[in-house]
Amino acid sequence: MSDAQDDLWRDFPRTATEFEARFATEEDCRAYWIEARWGGEPACARCTSKRVWTIRSGTTFECAECGHQTSLTSGTVLEKTRKPLKLWFRAVFEISARRNGISAKDLQRIMGFGSYETAWTWLHKLRASMVREEREPLGPFVQVDEALVGGKGGPHKELVLLAAEANGRVRLAHAANNDATTLKRFADAQIAANAQVTTDGHAG
């Protein structure tokens, strides 16, 4: 991502008033997405030519060079979505604007989703997309643990794996279980190979 594009993401609205002013229409959202993804000049996903024109109400670009059609969201976290960009942008705003984070239950209520599962899927998909791929792994001293999250007596408890540096950074990941294979996959992805790791003695 270029510095200009990075600045654009950093300039994402921080208040509800700013959000409504910036993204009043779906066209506003498409313009922002094009600027963030291509620096304002859409390009063909096949041959990278910038000689493209819009079709399908501005959601797809057809290449004048090779004829390939590139969706506005292809190759991104929103690929194949049927929901308006403004709805996704609103979810991004709700997730990023809260200093203490947001639960799937709260996101369901705010967004008006019909099911908890939809809110949970959106929340985790967007959170994952906000992670910098080039970030450094944890080290040199790391503690690994696990927890069930969902509130006391809540019906939707989920297993979360945690890796924390001594007086440093923290990484969290939702997991289906806590067996040895799952824990190793989590550790390999988050922790430096030469780090010293301590656990609570869990068999996995």
N, C-alpha and C. Protein backbone atom coordinates (compact mmCIF):
# COMPACT_ATOMS: atom_id res chain seq x y z
N MET A 1 0.85 -1.20 0.00
CA MET A 1 0.00 0.00 0.00
C MET A 1 0.88 1.24 0.00
N SER A 2 0.56 2.22 -0.84
CA SER A 2 1.33 3.45 -0.90
C SER A 2 1.08 4.30 0.33
N ASP A 3 1.97 5.31 0.53
CA ASP A 3 1.80 6.20 1.68
C ASP A 3 0.48 6.96 1.59
N ALA A 4 0.10 7.36 0.35
CA ALA A 4 -1.15 8.09 0.17
C ALA A 4 -2.35 7.23 0.54
N GLN A 5 -2.31 5.95 0.15
CA GLN A 5 -3.40 5.04 0.47
C GLN A 5 -3.45 4.77 1.97
N ASP A 6 -2.26 4.62 2.58
CA ASP A 6 -2.20 4.40 4.02
C ASP A 6 -2.79 5.58 4.77
N ASP A 7 -2.48 6.79 4.31
CA ASP A 7 -3.04 7.99 4.93
C ASP A 7 -4.56 8.01 4.80
N LEU A 8 -5.07 7.51 3.67
CA LEU A 8 -6.51 7.49 3.45
C LEU A 8 -7.19 6.59 4.48
N TRP A 9 -6.60 5.42 4.72
CA TRP A 9 -7.19 4.52 5.72
C TRP A 9 -7.12 5.13 7.11
N ARG A 10 -6.01 5.80 7.42
CA ARG A 10 -5.87 6.43 8.73
C ARG A 10 -6.88 7.57 8.91
N ASP A 11 -7.34 8.14 7.81
CA ASP A 11 -8.26 9.26 7.85
C ASP A 11 -9.72 8.80 7.87
N PHE A 12 -9.95 7.51 8.11
CA PHE A 12 -11.32 6.99 8.16
C PHE A 12 -12.08 7.71 9.29
N PRO A 13 -13.37 8.02 9.09
CA PRO A 13 -14.15 8.79 10.09
C PRO A 13 -14.05 8.19 11.49
N ARG A 14 -13.99 9.10 12.48
CA ARG A 14 -13.87 8.67 13.88
C ARG A 14 -15.13 8.93 14.69
N THR A 15 -16.07 9.68 14.13
CA THR A 15 -17.33 9.94 14.82
C THR A 15 -18.49 9.61 13.88
N ALA A 16 -19.66 9.39 14.47
CA ALA A 16 -20.84 9.07 13.67
C ALA A 16 -21.19 10.22 12.72
N THR A 17 -21.01 11.45 13.19
CA THR A 17 -21.29 12.61 12.34
C THR A 17 -20.35 12.65 11.14
N GLU A 18 -19.07 12.40 11.37
CA GLU A 18 -18.09 12.36 10.29
C GLU A 18 -18.44 11.25 9.30
N PHE A 19 -18.84 10.11 9.83
CA PHE A 19 -19.16 8.97 8.97
C PHE A 19 -20.32 9.31 8.04
N GLU A 20 -21.40 9.85 8.60
CA GLU A 20 -22.58 10.15 7.78
C GLU A 20 -22.28 11.22 6.74
N ALA A 21 -21.40 12.16 7.07
CA ALA A 21 -21.05 13.21 6.12
C ALA A 21 -20.16 12.66 5.00
N ARG A 22 -19.24 11.77 5.36
CA ARG A 22 -18.28 11.24 4.39
C ARG A 22 -18.88 10.19 3.48
N PHE A 23 -19.76 9.37 4.04
CA PHE A 23 -20.32 8.25 3.29
C PHE A 23 -21.85 8.34 3.26
N ALA A 24 -22.35 9.44 2.73
CA ALA A 24 -23.79 9.66 2.68
C ALA A 24 -24.47 8.74 1.67
N THR A 25 -23.74 8.35 0.62
CA THR A 25 -24.32 7.53 -0.43
C THR A 25 -23.41 6.35 -0.76
N GLU A 26 -23.97 5.40 -1.50
CA GLU A 26 -23.17 4.26 -1.97
C GLU A 26 -22.08 4.73 -2.92
N GLU A 27 -22.35 5.78 -3.70
CA GLU A 27 -21.35 6.33 -4.61
C GLU A 27 -20.15 6.88 -3.85
N ASP A 28 -20.40 7.50 -2.69
CA ASP A 28 -19.30 8.00 -1.85
C ASP A 28 -18.42 6.84 -1.40
N CYS A 29 -19.05 5.74 -1.04
CA CYS A 29 -18.31 4.57 -0.57
C CYS A 29 -17.48 3.97 -1.70
N ARG A 30 -18.05 3.89 -2.90
CA ARG A 30 -17.31 3.34 -4.04
C ARG A 30 -16.10 4.20 -4.38
N ALA A 31 -16.27 5.52 -4.32
CA ALA A 31 -15.16 6.43 -4.63
C ALA A 31 -14.04 6.26 -3.62
N TYR A 32 -14.38 6.12 -2.35
CA TYR A 32 -13.37 5.92 -1.31
C TYR A 32 -12.66 4.59 -1.51
N TRP A 33 -13.43 3.55 -1.85
CA TRP A 33 -12.85 2.21 -2.03
C TRP A 33 -11.87 2.21 -3.22
N ILE A 34 -12.25 2.88 -4.31
CA ILE A 34 -11.38 2.96 -5.48
C ILE A 34 -10.10 3.70 -5.15
N GLU A 35 -10.22 4.78 -4.38
CA GLU A 35 -9.04 5.55 -3.97
C GLU A 35 -8.13 4.71 -3.08
N ALA A 36 -8.72 3.98 -2.15
CA ALA A 36 -7.93 3.18 -1.22
C ALA A 36 -7.29 1.96 -1.89
N ARG A 37 -8.01 1.36 -2.82
CA ARG A 37 -7.50 0.14 -3.44
C ARG A 37 -6.55 0.40 -4.59
N TRP A 38 -6.89 1.37 -5.45
CA TRP A 38 -6.10 1.61 -6.66
C TRP A 38 -5.49 3.00 -6.73
N GLY A 39 -5.59 3.77 -5.68
CA GLY A 39 -5.08 5.14 -5.73
C GLY A 39 -5.90 6.02 -6.65
N GLY A 40 -7.19 5.66 -6.82
CA GLY A 40 -8.08 6.47 -7.64
C GLY A 40 -8.17 6.04 -9.09
N GLU A 41 -7.30 5.09 -9.53
CA GLU A 41 -7.30 4.64 -10.92
C GLU A 41 -7.48 3.12 -10.97
N PRO A 42 -8.72 2.64 -11.18
CA PRO A 42 -8.97 1.20 -11.23
C PRO A 42 -8.11 0.53 -12.30
N ALA A 43 -7.67 -0.69 -12.01
CA ALA A 43 -6.83 -1.43 -12.94
C ALA A 43 -7.35 -2.85 -13.12
N CYS A 44 -7.07 -3.40 -14.28
CA CYS A 44 -7.49 -4.77 -14.58
C CYS A 44 -6.74 -5.76 -13.70
N ALA A 45 -7.46 -6.70 -13.10
CA ALA A 45 -6.83 -7.69 -12.23
C ALA A 45 -5.99 -8.69 -13.01
N ARG A 46 -6.25 -8.82 -14.32
CA ARG A 46 -5.51 -9.79 -15.13
C ARG A 46 -4.24 -9.20 -15.73
N CYS A 47 -4.36 -8.04 -16.42
CA CYS A 47 -3.20 -7.48 -17.12
C CYS A 47 -2.71 -6.16 -16.53
N THR A 48 -3.37 -5.68 -15.50
CA THR A 48 -3.03 -4.45 -14.76
C THR A 48 -3.24 -3.17 -15.58
N SER A 49 -3.81 -3.28 -16.77
CA SER A 49 -4.08 -2.08 -17.57
C SER A 49 -5.07 -1.18 -16.85
N LYS A 50 -4.86 0.12 -16.98
CA LYS A 50 -5.78 1.09 -16.38
C LYS A 50 -6.80 1.60 -17.39
N ARG A 51 -6.80 1.01 -18.58
CA ARG A 51 -7.79 1.36 -19.59
C ARG A 51 -9.04 0.51 -19.36
N VAL A 52 -9.83 0.94 -18.40
CA VAL A 52 -11.04 0.20 -18.03
C VAL A 52 -12.23 1.16 -17.99
N TRP A 53 -13.43 0.60 -18.13
CA TRP A 53 -14.64 1.40 -17.97
C TRP A 53 -15.59 0.65 -17.06
N THR A 54 -16.49 1.39 -16.45
CA THR A 54 -17.38 0.80 -15.47
C THR A 54 -18.62 0.21 -16.12
N ILE A 55 -19.07 -0.91 -15.55
CA ILE A 55 -20.32 -1.54 -15.94
C ILE A 55 -21.04 -1.98 -14.66
N ARG A 56 -22.26 -2.45 -14.80
CA ARG A 56 -23.04 -2.93 -13.66
C ARG A 56 -23.13 -1.89 -12.54
N SER A 57 -23.56 -0.71 -12.92
CA SER A 57 -23.78 0.39 -11.96
C SER A 57 -22.53 0.76 -11.17
N GLY A 58 -21.37 0.62 -11.83
CA GLY A 58 -20.13 1.05 -11.20
C GLY A 58 -19.48 0.03 -10.27
N THR A 59 -20.00 -1.19 -10.26
CA THR A 59 -19.44 -2.20 -9.35
C THR A 59 -18.42 -3.11 -10.04
N THR A 60 -18.28 -2.98 -11.36
CA THR A 60 -17.37 -3.83 -12.12
C THR A 60 -16.66 -3.00 -13.19
N PHE A 61 -15.39 -3.36 -13.47
CA PHE A 61 -14.61 -2.67 -14.49
C PHE A 61 -14.23 -3.65 -15.59
N GLU A 62 -14.49 -3.26 -16.84
CA GLU A 62 -14.11 -4.11 -17.98
C GLU A 62 -12.89 -3.52 -18.67
N CYS A 63 -11.91 -4.38 -18.93
CA CYS A 63 -10.64 -3.94 -19.48
C CYS A 63 -10.71 -3.76 -20.99
N ALA A 64 -10.20 -2.65 -21.50
CA ALA A 64 -10.19 -2.38 -22.93
C ALA A 64 -9.10 -3.17 -23.63
N GLU A 65 -8.12 -3.65 -22.87
CA GLU A 65 -7.00 -4.39 -23.46
C GLU A 65 -7.30 -5.87 -23.62
N CYS A 66 -7.79 -6.51 -22.56
CA CYS A 66 -7.98 -7.97 -22.60
C CYS A 66 -9.43 -8.41 -22.41
N GLY A 67 -10.31 -7.47 -22.09
CA GLY A 67 -11.72 -7.80 -21.93
C GLY A 67 -12.09 -8.40 -20.59
N HIS A 68 -11.11 -8.55 -19.71
CA HIS A 68 -11.39 -9.14 -18.39
C HIS A 68 -12.23 -8.18 -17.55
N GLN A 69 -13.13 -8.74 -16.78
CA GLN A 69 -13.97 -7.92 -15.90
C GLN A 69 -13.50 -8.08 -14.45
N THR A 70 -13.23 -6.95 -13.81
CA THR A 70 -12.74 -6.93 -12.44
C THR A 70 -13.79 -6.30 -11.54
N SER A 71 -14.24 -7.06 -10.55
CA SER A 71 -15.21 -6.55 -9.60
C SER A 71 -14.54 -5.55 -8.67
N LEU A 72 -15.33 -4.61 -8.21
CA LEU A 72 -14.83 -3.61 -7.26
C LEU A 72 -14.24 -4.27 -6.02
N THR A 73 -14.79 -5.42 -5.62
CA THR A 73 -14.38 -6.06 -4.38
C THR A 73 -13.58 -7.35 -4.58
N SER A 74 -13.32 -7.74 -5.83
CA SER A 74 -12.60 -9.00 -6.06
C SER A 74 -11.21 -8.96 -5.44
N GLY A 75 -10.82 -10.07 -4.84
CA GLY A 75 -9.51 -10.15 -4.22
C GLY A 75 -9.40 -9.41 -2.90
N THR A 76 -10.53 -8.99 -2.34
CA THR A 76 -10.53 -8.28 -1.06
C THR A 76 -11.41 -9.03 -0.06
N VAL A 77 -11.44 -8.53 1.15
CA VAL A 77 -12.25 -9.15 2.20
C VAL A 77 -13.74 -9.10 1.87
N LEU A 78 -14.13 -8.22 0.97
CA LEU A 78 -15.55 -8.08 0.60
C LEU A 78 -15.91 -8.81 -0.67
N GLU A 79 -15.02 -9.64 -1.18
CA GLU A 79 -15.28 -10.34 -2.44
C GLU A 79 -16.59 -11.13 -2.39
N LYS A 80 -17.39 -10.99 -3.44
CA LYS A 80 -18.67 -11.69 -3.63
C LYS A 80 -19.77 -11.23 -2.67
N THR A 81 -19.53 -10.16 -1.93
CA THR A 81 -20.59 -9.69 -1.04
C THR A 81 -21.77 -9.16 -1.84
N ARG A 82 -22.95 -9.34 -1.31
CA ARG A 82 -24.16 -8.79 -1.93
C ARG A 82 -24.71 -7.62 -1.12
N LYS A 83 -24.01 -7.27 -0.07
CA LYS A 83 -24.45 -6.18 0.79
C LYS A 83 -23.85 -4.85 0.31
N PRO A 84 -24.53 -3.74 0.53
CA PRO A 84 -24.01 -2.43 0.13
C PRO A 84 -22.69 -2.12 0.83
N LEU A 85 -21.82 -1.41 0.12
CA LEU A 85 -20.55 -1.01 0.73
C LEU A 85 -20.78 -0.18 1.99
N LYS A 86 -21.82 0.67 1.96
CA LYS A 86 -22.07 1.54 3.11
C LYS A 86 -22.32 0.71 4.37
N LEU A 87 -22.96 -0.44 4.22
CA LEU A 87 -23.22 -1.30 5.37
C LEU A 87 -21.91 -1.87 5.92
N TRP A 88 -21.03 -2.28 5.01
CA TRP A 88 -19.71 -2.77 5.44
C TRP A 88 -18.90 -1.65 6.08
N PHE A 89 -18.94 -0.46 5.46
CA PHE A 89 -18.20 0.67 6.02
C PHE A 89 -18.71 1.02 7.42
N ARG A 90 -20.02 0.93 7.61
CA ARG A 90 -20.58 1.23 8.92
C ARG A 90 -20.09 0.22 9.95
N ALA A 91 -19.99 -1.05 9.53
CA ALA A 91 -19.48 -2.07 10.45
C ALA A 91 -18.03 -1.78 10.81
N VAL A 92 -17.23 -1.39 9.81
CA VAL A 92 -15.83 -1.03 10.07
C VAL A 92 -15.76 0.12 11.07
N PHE A 93 -16.61 1.13 10.86
CA PHE A 93 -16.64 2.26 11.77
C PHE A 93 -16.98 1.83 13.19
N GLU A 94 -18.02 1.01 13.35
CA GLU A 94 -18.44 0.58 14.68
C GLU A 94 -17.35 -0.23 15.38
N ILE A 95 -16.62 -1.03 14.62
CA ILE A 95 -15.55 -1.86 15.20
C ILE A 95 -14.34 -1.02 15.60
N SER A 96 -13.98 -0.06 14.74
CA SER A 96 -12.74 0.69 14.97
C SER A 96 -12.91 1.91 15.86
N ALA A 97 -14.14 2.43 15.99
CA ALA A 97 -14.33 3.68 16.73
C ALA A 97 -14.38 3.50 18.24
N ARG A 98 -14.55 2.26 18.70
CA ARG A 98 -14.68 2.02 20.14
C ARG A 98 -13.35 1.60 20.75
N ARG A 99 -12.90 2.38 21.72
CA ARG A 99 -11.60 2.13 22.34
C ARG A 99 -11.55 0.77 23.01
N ASN A 100 -12.67 0.33 23.58
CA ASN A 100 -12.70 -0.94 24.29
C ASN A 100 -13.24 -2.09 23.45
N GLY A 101 -13.37 -1.86 22.13
CA GLY A 101 -13.83 -2.92 21.26
C GLY A 101 -15.35 -3.07 21.26
N ILE A 102 -15.83 -4.03 20.50
CA ILE A 102 -17.26 -4.26 20.38
C ILE A 102 -17.51 -5.76 20.29
N SER A 103 -18.57 -6.21 20.88
CA SER A 103 -18.92 -7.63 20.85
C SER A 103 -19.80 -7.91 19.64
N ALA A 104 -19.87 -9.19 19.26
CA ALA A 104 -20.74 -9.56 18.14
C ALA A 104 -22.19 -9.25 18.47
N LYS A 105 -22.57 -9.41 19.75
CA LYS A 105 -23.95 -9.12 20.16
C LYS A 105 -24.27 -7.64 19.97
N ASP A 106 -23.34 -6.77 20.35
CA ASP A 106 -23.56 -5.33 20.17
C ASP A 106 -23.59 -4.97 18.69
N LEU A 107 -22.71 -5.59 17.90
CA LEU A 107 -22.70 -5.31 16.47
C LEU A 107 -24.03 -5.75 15.83
N GLN A 108 -24.56 -6.88 16.28
CA GLN A 108 -25.85 -7.35 15.78
C GLN A 108 -26.95 -6.33 16.04
N ARG A 109 -26.96 -5.79 17.26
CA ARG A 109 -27.98 -4.82 17.64
C ARG A 109 -27.83 -3.52 16.84
N ILE A 110 -26.63 -3.00 16.74
CA ILE A 110 -26.39 -1.73 16.07
C ILE A 110 -26.66 -1.81 14.58
N MET A 111 -26.25 -2.92 13.96
CA MET A 111 -26.39 -3.07 12.52
C MET A 111 -27.76 -3.60 12.11
N GLY A 112 -28.51 -4.11 13.07
CA GLY A 112 -29.82 -4.65 12.76
C GLY A 112 -29.78 -6.00 12.09
N PHE A 113 -28.72 -6.77 12.33
CA PHE A 113 -28.63 -8.10 11.74
C PHE A 113 -29.67 -9.03 12.35
N GLY A 114 -30.20 -9.93 11.52
CA GLY A 114 -31.22 -10.84 12.01
C GLY A 114 -30.69 -11.96 12.86
N SER A 115 -29.38 -12.24 12.78
CA SER A 115 -28.82 -13.34 13.55
C SER A 115 -27.48 -12.97 14.17
N TYR A 116 -27.19 -13.60 15.30
CA TYR A 116 -25.91 -13.42 15.97
C TYR A 116 -24.78 -13.94 15.09
N GLU A 117 -25.04 -15.04 14.38
CA GLU A 117 -24.01 -15.67 13.55
C GLU A 117 -23.50 -14.71 12.47
N THR A 118 -24.42 -13.93 11.87
CA THR A 118 -24.01 -12.96 10.85
C THR A 118 -23.09 -11.91 11.45
N ALA A 119 -23.47 -11.39 12.61
CA ALA A 119 -22.65 -10.38 13.28
C ALA A 119 -21.28 -10.94 13.64
N TRP A 120 -21.27 -12.17 14.15
CA TRP A 120 -19.99 -12.80 14.54
C TRP A 120 -19.09 -12.97 13.32
N THR A 121 -19.66 -13.42 12.19
CA THR A 121 -18.87 -13.63 10.98
C THR A 121 -18.29 -12.31 10.46
N TRP A 122 -19.12 -11.27 10.41
CA TRP A 122 -18.64 -9.96 9.95
C TRP A 122 -17.55 -9.43 10.87
N LEU A 123 -17.77 -9.54 12.16
CA LEU A 123 -16.82 -9.01 13.13
C LEU A 123 -15.45 -9.65 12.96
N HIS A 124 -15.42 -10.97 12.87
CA HIS A 124 -14.13 -11.66 12.78
C HIS A 124 -13.48 -11.50 11.41
N LYS A 125 -14.28 -11.41 10.36
CA LYS A 125 -13.72 -11.18 9.04
C LYS A 125 -13.06 -9.81 8.96
N LEU A 126 -13.72 -8.80 9.50
CA LEU A 126 -13.16 -7.45 9.45
C LEU A 126 -11.98 -7.29 10.39
N ARG A 127 -12.04 -7.90 11.55
CA ARG A 127 -10.90 -7.83 12.46
C ARG A 127 -9.66 -8.46 11.83
N ALA A 128 -9.85 -9.60 11.18
CA ALA A 128 -8.72 -10.27 10.54
C ALA A 128 -8.11 -9.42 9.44
N SER A 129 -8.96 -8.68 8.71
CA SER A 129 -8.46 -7.86 7.61
C SER A 129 -7.70 -6.64 8.10
N MET A 130 -7.86 -6.27 9.36
CA MET A 130 -7.19 -5.10 9.90
C MET A 130 -5.78 -5.41 10.42
N VAL A 131 -5.39 -6.68 10.39
CA VAL A 131 -4.08 -7.09 10.89
C VAL A 131 -3.00 -6.84 9.84
N ARG A 132 -1.90 -6.22 10.21
CA ARG A 132 -0.79 -5.99 9.30
C ARG A 132 -0.05 -7.30 9.04
N GLU A 133 0.05 -7.72 7.77
CA GLU A 133 0.71 -8.99 7.45
C GLU A 133 2.20 -8.95 7.74
N GLU A 134 2.81 -7.75 7.68
CA GLU A 134 4.25 -7.65 7.86
C GLU A 134 4.68 -7.50 9.31
N ARG A 135 3.76 -7.62 10.25
CA ARG A 135 4.09 -7.43 11.66
C ARG A 135 5.08 -8.50 12.14
N GLU A 136 5.90 -8.14 13.11
CA GLU A 136 6.91 -9.03 13.65
C GLU A 136 6.28 -10.05 14.59
N PRO A 137 6.79 -11.30 14.59
CA PRO A 137 6.27 -12.29 15.54
C PRO A 137 6.64 -11.93 16.97
N LEU A 138 5.92 -12.50 17.93
CA LEU A 138 6.16 -12.21 19.34
C LEU A 138 7.46 -12.84 19.82
N GLY A 139 8.09 -12.20 20.81
CA GLY A 139 9.32 -12.72 21.40
C GLY A 139 9.94 -11.65 22.28
N PRO A 140 11.04 -11.94 22.99
CA PRO A 140 11.68 -13.25 23.11
C PRO A 140 11.08 -14.15 24.21
N PHE A 141 10.26 -13.55 25.11
CA PHE A 141 9.63 -14.33 26.17
C PHE A 141 8.11 -14.21 26.02
N VAL A 142 7.44 -15.33 25.82
CA VAL A 142 6.01 -15.31 25.51
C VAL A 142 5.26 -16.32 26.37
N GLN A 143 4.09 -15.90 26.85
CA GLN A 143 3.21 -16.80 27.59
C GLN A 143 1.98 -17.10 26.74
N VAL A 144 1.61 -18.39 26.68
CA VAL A 144 0.45 -18.82 25.89
C VAL A 144 -0.62 -19.36 26.82
N ASP A 145 -1.86 -18.95 26.58
CA ASP A 145 -2.97 -19.41 27.42
C ASP A 145 -4.24 -19.46 26.58
N GLU A 146 -5.35 -19.75 27.20
CA GLU A 146 -6.64 -19.85 26.52
C GLU A 146 -7.74 -19.36 27.44
N ALA A 147 -8.88 -19.01 26.87
CA ALA A 147 -10.00 -18.55 27.68
C ALA A 147 -11.30 -18.73 26.91
N LEU A 148 -12.39 -18.89 27.65
CA LEU A 148 -13.72 -18.92 27.06
C LEU A 148 -14.31 -17.52 27.19
N VAL A 149 -14.75 -16.95 26.09
CA VAL A 149 -15.25 -15.58 26.06
C VAL A 149 -16.73 -15.59 25.67
N GLY A 150 -17.52 -14.78 26.37
CA GLY A 150 -18.92 -14.72 26.04
C GLY A 150 -19.79 -14.28 27.19
N GLY A 151 -19.17 -13.97 28.33
CA GLY A 151 -19.95 -13.49 29.47
C GLY A 151 -20.41 -14.61 30.38
N LYS A 152 -20.54 -14.30 31.64
CA LYS A 152 -20.97 -15.27 32.63
C LYS A 152 -22.37 -15.77 32.31
N GLY A 153 -22.48 -17.07 32.12
CA GLY A 153 -23.77 -17.67 31.84
C GLY A 153 -24.29 -17.42 30.43
N GLY A 154 -23.46 -16.80 29.59
CA GLY A 154 -23.90 -16.48 28.23
C GLY A 154 -24.03 -17.73 27.37
N PRO A 155 -24.93 -17.72 26.37
CA PRO A 155 -25.15 -18.90 25.54
C PRO A 155 -24.16 -19.05 24.39
N HIS A 156 -23.32 -18.05 24.17
CA HIS A 156 -22.43 -18.08 23.01
C HIS A 156 -20.96 -17.95 23.44
N LYS A 157 -20.49 -18.84 24.26
CA LYS A 157 -19.09 -18.80 24.68
C LYS A 157 -18.20 -19.35 23.57
N GLU A 158 -17.08 -18.68 23.33
CA GLU A 158 -16.15 -19.09 22.29
C GLU A 158 -14.75 -19.23 22.88
N LEU A 159 -13.99 -20.18 22.34
CA LEU A 159 -12.63 -20.40 22.80
C LEU A 159 -11.68 -19.43 22.12
N VAL A 160 -10.86 -18.74 22.91
CA VAL A 160 -9.89 -17.80 22.38
C VAL A 160 -8.50 -18.18 22.87
N LEU A 161 -7.55 -18.24 21.95
CA LEU A 161 -6.15 -18.50 22.30
C LEU A 161 -5.43 -17.17 22.44
N LEU A 162 -4.49 -17.11 23.38
CA LEU A 162 -3.79 -15.86 23.68
C LEU A 162 -2.30 -16.10 23.79
N ALA A 163 -1.53 -15.23 23.18
CA ALA A 163 -0.07 -15.25 23.31
C ALA A 163 0.36 -13.84 23.68
N ALA A 164 1.12 -13.69 24.76
CA ALA A 164 1.50 -12.36 25.25
C ALA A 164 2.99 -12.29 25.54
N GLU A 165 3.62 -11.23 25.02
CA GLU A 165 5.01 -10.97 25.34
C GLU A 165 5.11 -10.49 26.78
N ALA A 166 6.26 -10.69 27.40
CA ALA A 166 6.51 -10.13 28.72
C ALA A 166 6.56 -8.61 28.59
N ASN A 167 5.59 -7.92 29.21
CA ASN A 167 5.51 -6.46 29.16
C ASN A 167 5.44 -5.93 27.73
N GLY A 168 4.75 -6.66 26.84
CA GLY A 168 4.71 -6.23 25.45
C GLY A 168 3.40 -6.49 24.75
N ARG A 169 3.50 -6.95 23.52
CA ARG A 169 2.34 -7.11 22.65
C ARG A 169 1.54 -8.37 22.99
N VAL A 170 0.30 -8.38 22.48
CA VAL A 170 -0.61 -9.51 22.71
C VAL A 170 -1.25 -9.91 21.39
N ARG A 171 -1.40 -11.20 21.17
CA ARG A 171 -2.10 -11.72 20.00
C ARG A 171 -3.23 -12.65 20.46
N LEU A 172 -4.40 -12.50 19.84
CA LEU A 172 -5.56 -13.33 20.16
C LEU A 172 -6.05 -14.01 18.90
N ALA A 173 -6.64 -15.20 19.06
CA ALA A 173 -7.22 -15.89 17.91
C ALA A 173 -8.36 -16.77 18.37
N HIS A 174 -9.46 -16.71 17.62
CA HIS A 174 -10.58 -17.61 17.89
C HIS A 174 -10.18 -19.01 17.44
N ALA A 175 -10.57 -20.04 18.21
CA ALA A 175 -10.20 -21.42 17.86
C ALA A 175 -11.37 -22.36 18.10
N ALA A 176 -11.44 -23.39 17.28
CA ALA A 176 -12.51 -24.38 17.43
C ALA A 176 -12.25 -25.31 18.61
N ASN A 177 -10.96 -25.53 18.92
CA ASN A 177 -10.60 -26.39 20.05
C ASN A 177 -9.20 -26.02 20.52
N ASN A 178 -8.72 -26.74 21.55
CA ASN A 178 -7.39 -26.44 22.10
C ASN A 178 -6.49 -27.66 22.06
N ASP A 179 -6.59 -28.46 20.99
CA ASP A 179 -5.72 -29.63 20.88
C ASP A 179 -4.32 -29.20 20.45
N ALA A 180 -3.39 -30.14 20.45
CA ALA A 180 -1.99 -29.82 20.17
C ALA A 180 -1.80 -29.23 18.78
N THR A 181 -2.52 -29.76 17.79
CA THR A 181 -2.37 -29.27 16.42
C THR A 181 -2.80 -27.81 16.30
N THR A 182 -3.94 -27.48 16.91
CA THR A 182 -4.45 -26.11 16.85
C THR A 182 -3.52 -25.15 17.58
N LEU A 183 -3.05 -25.55 18.76
CA LEU A 183 -2.15 -24.68 19.54
C LEU A 183 -0.83 -24.47 18.81
N LYS A 184 -0.29 -25.52 18.18
CA LYS A 184 0.96 -25.37 17.45
C LYS A 184 0.80 -24.45 16.25
N ARG A 185 -0.33 -24.58 15.54
CA ARG A 185 -0.58 -23.71 14.39
C ARG A 185 -0.64 -22.25 14.83
N PHE A 186 -1.30 -22.00 15.96
CA PHE A 186 -1.39 -20.65 16.51
C PHE A 186 0.00 -20.13 16.89
N ALA A 187 0.76 -20.95 17.59
CA ALA A 187 2.09 -20.53 18.03
C ALA A 187 3.02 -20.28 16.85
N ASP A 188 3.00 -21.16 15.86
CA ASP A 188 3.86 -20.98 14.69
C ASP A 188 3.55 -19.70 13.95
N ALA A 189 2.27 -19.29 13.94
CA ALA A 189 1.87 -18.10 13.21
C ALA A 189 2.16 -16.81 13.96
N GLN A 190 2.24 -16.88 15.30
CA GLN A 190 2.32 -15.66 16.10
C GLN A 190 3.64 -15.46 16.84
N ILE A 191 4.40 -16.52 17.05
CA ILE A 191 5.57 -16.46 17.93
C ILE A 191 6.85 -16.77 17.16
N ALA A 192 7.92 -16.02 17.46
CA ALA A 192 9.21 -16.24 16.83
C ALA A 192 9.73 -17.63 17.17
N ALA A 193 10.43 -18.23 16.20
CA ALA A 193 10.89 -19.61 16.38
C ALA A 193 11.86 -19.76 17.55
N ASN A 194 12.60 -18.71 17.87
CA ASN A 194 13.60 -18.79 18.94
C ASN A 194 13.09 -18.23 20.27
N ALA A 195 11.79 -17.95 20.36
CA ALA A 195 11.24 -17.40 21.61
C ALA A 195 11.15 -18.47 22.68
N GLN A 196 11.24 -18.03 23.94
CA GLN A 196 11.03 -18.92 25.09
C GLN A 196 9.56 -18.82 25.48
N VAL A 197 8.85 -19.95 25.47
CA VAL A 197 7.41 -19.95 25.68
C VAL A 197 7.06 -20.68 26.96
N THR A 198 6.18 -20.08 27.76
CA THR A 198 5.67 -20.73 28.97
C THR A 198 4.17 -20.90 28.83
N THR A 199 3.64 -21.97 29.43
CA THR A 199 2.20 -22.24 29.39
C THR A 199 1.74 -22.63 30.79
N ASP A 200 0.45 -22.94 30.90
CA ASP A 200 -0.08 -23.34 32.22
C ASP A 200 -0.02 -24.85 32.41
N GLY A 201 0.68 -25.56 31.52
CA GLY A 201 0.83 -26.99 31.66
C GLY A 201 -0.28 -27.79 31.01
N HIS A 202 -1.13 -27.12 30.21
CA HIS A 202 -2.20 -27.81 29.50
C HIS A 202 -1.60 -28.91 28.61
N ALA A 203 -2.24 -30.07 28.56
CA ALA A 203 -1.70 -31.22 27.84
C ALA A 203 -1.48 -30.93 26.36
N GLY A 204 -2.36 -30.16 25.76
CA GLY A 204 -2.22 -29.82 24.35
C GLY A 204 -0.95 -29.06 24.07
